[in-house]
C-alpha cells in the first residue's frame, strides 16, 4: 500500500508514511481505514519517499473536501503536519493546506520540509 499508518494512542498521534506513486484512491483507502481505527489529535504525513504523485489540482480539492466532511470525527485542537521534500509534493501539500483553510477545515494543517520541523509543530520530539 502506498500509504500506511501507525497509531500511538499514548501520544494521541498517527504517523502516515507515503511511498512510491500516490493517487487519490490511495488517500481514499487510508482515510477509510483511519476513520475505522479512530482518529488521533496529532497527525504527521511523511511524503519523503513518494516518487511520483498522480494528483491533480482537482484531486487535491477532492481530498480537502473529504477532510471537511470528516471534521466532525476530529478531536478539538487537532493538528496535522505534512512533510514533503520534493518541490512537486511540497506544492501539492501547500495546495491542500490552503484549500482546507478556504473551505473551513477546523484543524491546523502545516507543511514542512523536515521531519524535525513537523514533529516540533505538533509539540512532539522526533524519534532518533
Protein backbone atom coordinates (compact mmCIF):
# COMPACT_ATOMS: atom_id res chain seq x y z
CA UNK A 1 0.00 0.00 0.00
CA UNK A 2 1.46 3.40 -0.96
CA UNK A 3 0.22 4.96 2.31
CA UNK A 4 0.48 3.15 5.62
CA UNK A 5 -0.20 4.42 9.11
CA UNK A 6 0.66 3.59 12.70
CA UNK A 7 -1.22 4.90 15.69
CA UNK A 8 0.42 5.75 19.01
CA UNK A 9 -2.50 6.11 21.42
CA UNK A 10 -0.17 7.09 24.27
CA UNK A 11 0.83 10.28 22.44
CA UNK A 12 -2.54 10.61 20.63
CA UNK A 13 -0.52 10.56 17.41
CA UNK A 14 -0.72 8.92 13.98
CA UNK A 15 2.17 8.67 11.54
CA UNK A 16 1.23 8.21 7.88
CA UNK A 17 4.00 7.14 5.53
CA UNK A 18 3.63 7.50 1.78
CA UNK A 19 5.90 5.83 -0.74
CA UNK A 20 6.11 5.19 -4.45
CA UNK A 21 3.35 6.54 -6.69
CA UNK A 22 0.36 8.17 -4.96
CA UNK A 23 -3.14 8.56 -6.35
CA UNK A 24 -6.38 9.96 -4.97
CA UNK A 25 -7.62 6.38 -4.49
CA UNK A 26 -4.66 5.69 -2.17
CA UNK A 27 -5.85 8.51 0.07
CA UNK A 28 -9.46 7.28 -0.02
CA UNK A 29 -8.33 3.87 1.19
CA UNK A 30 -6.17 5.15 4.02
CA UNK A 31 -8.78 7.72 5.13
CA UNK A 32 -11.41 4.95 5.41
CA UNK A 33 -9.08 2.67 7.39
CA UNK A 34 -8.04 5.54 9.66
CA UNK A 35 -11.66 6.53 10.33
CA UNK A 36 -12.44 2.96 11.34
CA UNK A 37 -9.39 2.81 13.63
CA UNK A 38 -10.37 6.08 15.32
CA UNK A 39 -8.56 9.35 14.68
CA UNK A 40 -5.95 10.90 16.92
CA UNK A 41 -5.41 14.55 17.81
CA UNK A 42 -1.98 14.73 16.13
CA UNK A 43 -1.18 13.51 12.60
CA UNK A 44 2.00 13.54 10.58
CA UNK A 45 2.07 12.64 6.89
CA UNK A 46 5.58 11.74 5.70
CA UNK A 47 5.81 12.06 1.91
CA UNK A 48 9.61 11.97 1.68
CA UNK A 49 9.61 8.57 -0.08
CA UNK A 50 6.97 9.46 -2.66
CA UNK A 51 8.50 9.10 -6.11
CA UNK A 52 5.52 10.32 -8.13
CA UNK A 53 2.19 11.97 -7.42
CA UNK A 54 -0.71 11.40 -9.75
CA UNK A 55 -2.79 14.04 -8.03
CA UNK A 56 -4.24 16.93 -9.97
CA UNK A 57 -5.44 20.20 -8.55
CA UNK A 58 -8.95 18.78 -8.68
CA UNK A 59 -7.76 15.69 -6.80
CA UNK A 60 -6.31 17.88 -4.07
CA UNK A 61 -9.60 19.76 -3.87
CA UNK A 62 -11.45 16.44 -3.53
CA UNK A 63 -9.14 15.44 -0.66
CA UNK A 64 -9.73 18.79 1.01
CA UNK A 65 -13.50 18.31 0.76
CA UNK A 66 -13.19 14.85 2.29
CA UNK A 67 -11.24 16.41 5.13
CA UNK A 68 -14.00 18.94 5.61
CA UNK A 69 -16.67 16.20 5.65
CA UNK A 70 -14.71 14.30 8.30
CA UNK A 71 -14.29 17.36 10.53
CA UNK A 72 -16.87 16.01 12.96
CA UNK A 73 -14.64 12.98 13.60
CA UNK A 74 -11.66 15.12 14.60
CA UNK A 75 -10.79 15.89 18.18
CA UNK A 76 -10.86 19.59 19.17
CA UNK A 77 -7.38 21.07 18.95
CA UNK A 78 -6.28 18.55 16.33
CA UNK A 79 -3.21 19.33 14.24
CA UNK A 80 -1.79 17.84 11.06
CA UNK A 81 1.75 18.20 9.73
CA UNK A 82 2.82 17.20 6.23
CA UNK A 83 6.45 16.63 5.26
CA UNK A 84 7.46 16.88 1.62
CA UNK A 85 10.99 17.31 0.34
CA UNK A 86 10.39 17.35 -3.41
CA UNK A 87 9.10 20.56 -4.93
CA UNK A 88 6.11 18.80 -6.50
CA UNK A 89 4.99 17.09 -3.29
CA UNK A 90 5.59 20.28 -1.30
CA UNK A 91 3.50 22.34 -3.74
CA UNK A 92 0.62 19.85 -3.67
CA UNK A 93 0.78 19.72 0.13
CA UNK A 94 0.62 23.52 0.33
CA UNK A 95 -2.36 23.47 -2.04
CA UNK A 96 -4.12 21.03 0.31
CA UNK A 97 -3.31 23.29 3.27
CA UNK A 98 -4.64 26.42 1.54
CA UNK A 99 -7.79 24.75 0.22
CA UNK A 100 -8.51 23.43 3.69
CA UNK A 101 -8.24 26.94 5.08
CA UNK A 102 -10.54 28.31 2.38
CA UNK A 103 -13.10 25.53 2.85
CA UNK A 104 -13.11 25.85 6.66
CA UNK A 105 -11.33 22.70 7.85
CA UNK A 106 -11.38 23.00 11.63
CA UNK A 107 -7.89 21.75 12.44
CA UNK A 108 -4.46 23.20 11.85
CA UNK A 109 -2.51 21.92 8.83
CA UNK A 110 1.15 22.84 8.38
CA UNK A 111 3.57 21.82 5.63
CA UNK A 112 7.27 21.29 6.34
CA UNK A 113 10.40 20.17 4.54
CA UNK A 114 11.90 18.27 7.52
CA UNK A 115 10.62 15.72 10.00
CA UNK A 116 12.13 17.66 12.91
CA UNK A 117 10.13 20.76 11.99
CA UNK A 118 6.95 18.71 11.55
CA UNK A 119 7.31 16.97 14.91
CA UNK A 120 8.06 20.31 16.59
CA UNK A 121 4.91 21.86 15.08
CA UNK A 122 2.93 19.06 16.73
CA UNK A 123 4.64 19.61 20.06
CA UNK A 124 6.44 16.26 19.82
CA UNK A 125 10.07 15.21 19.72
CA UNK A 126 11.16 13.35 16.58
CA UNK A 127 12.37 9.80 17.21
CA UNK A 128 16.10 9.30 16.85
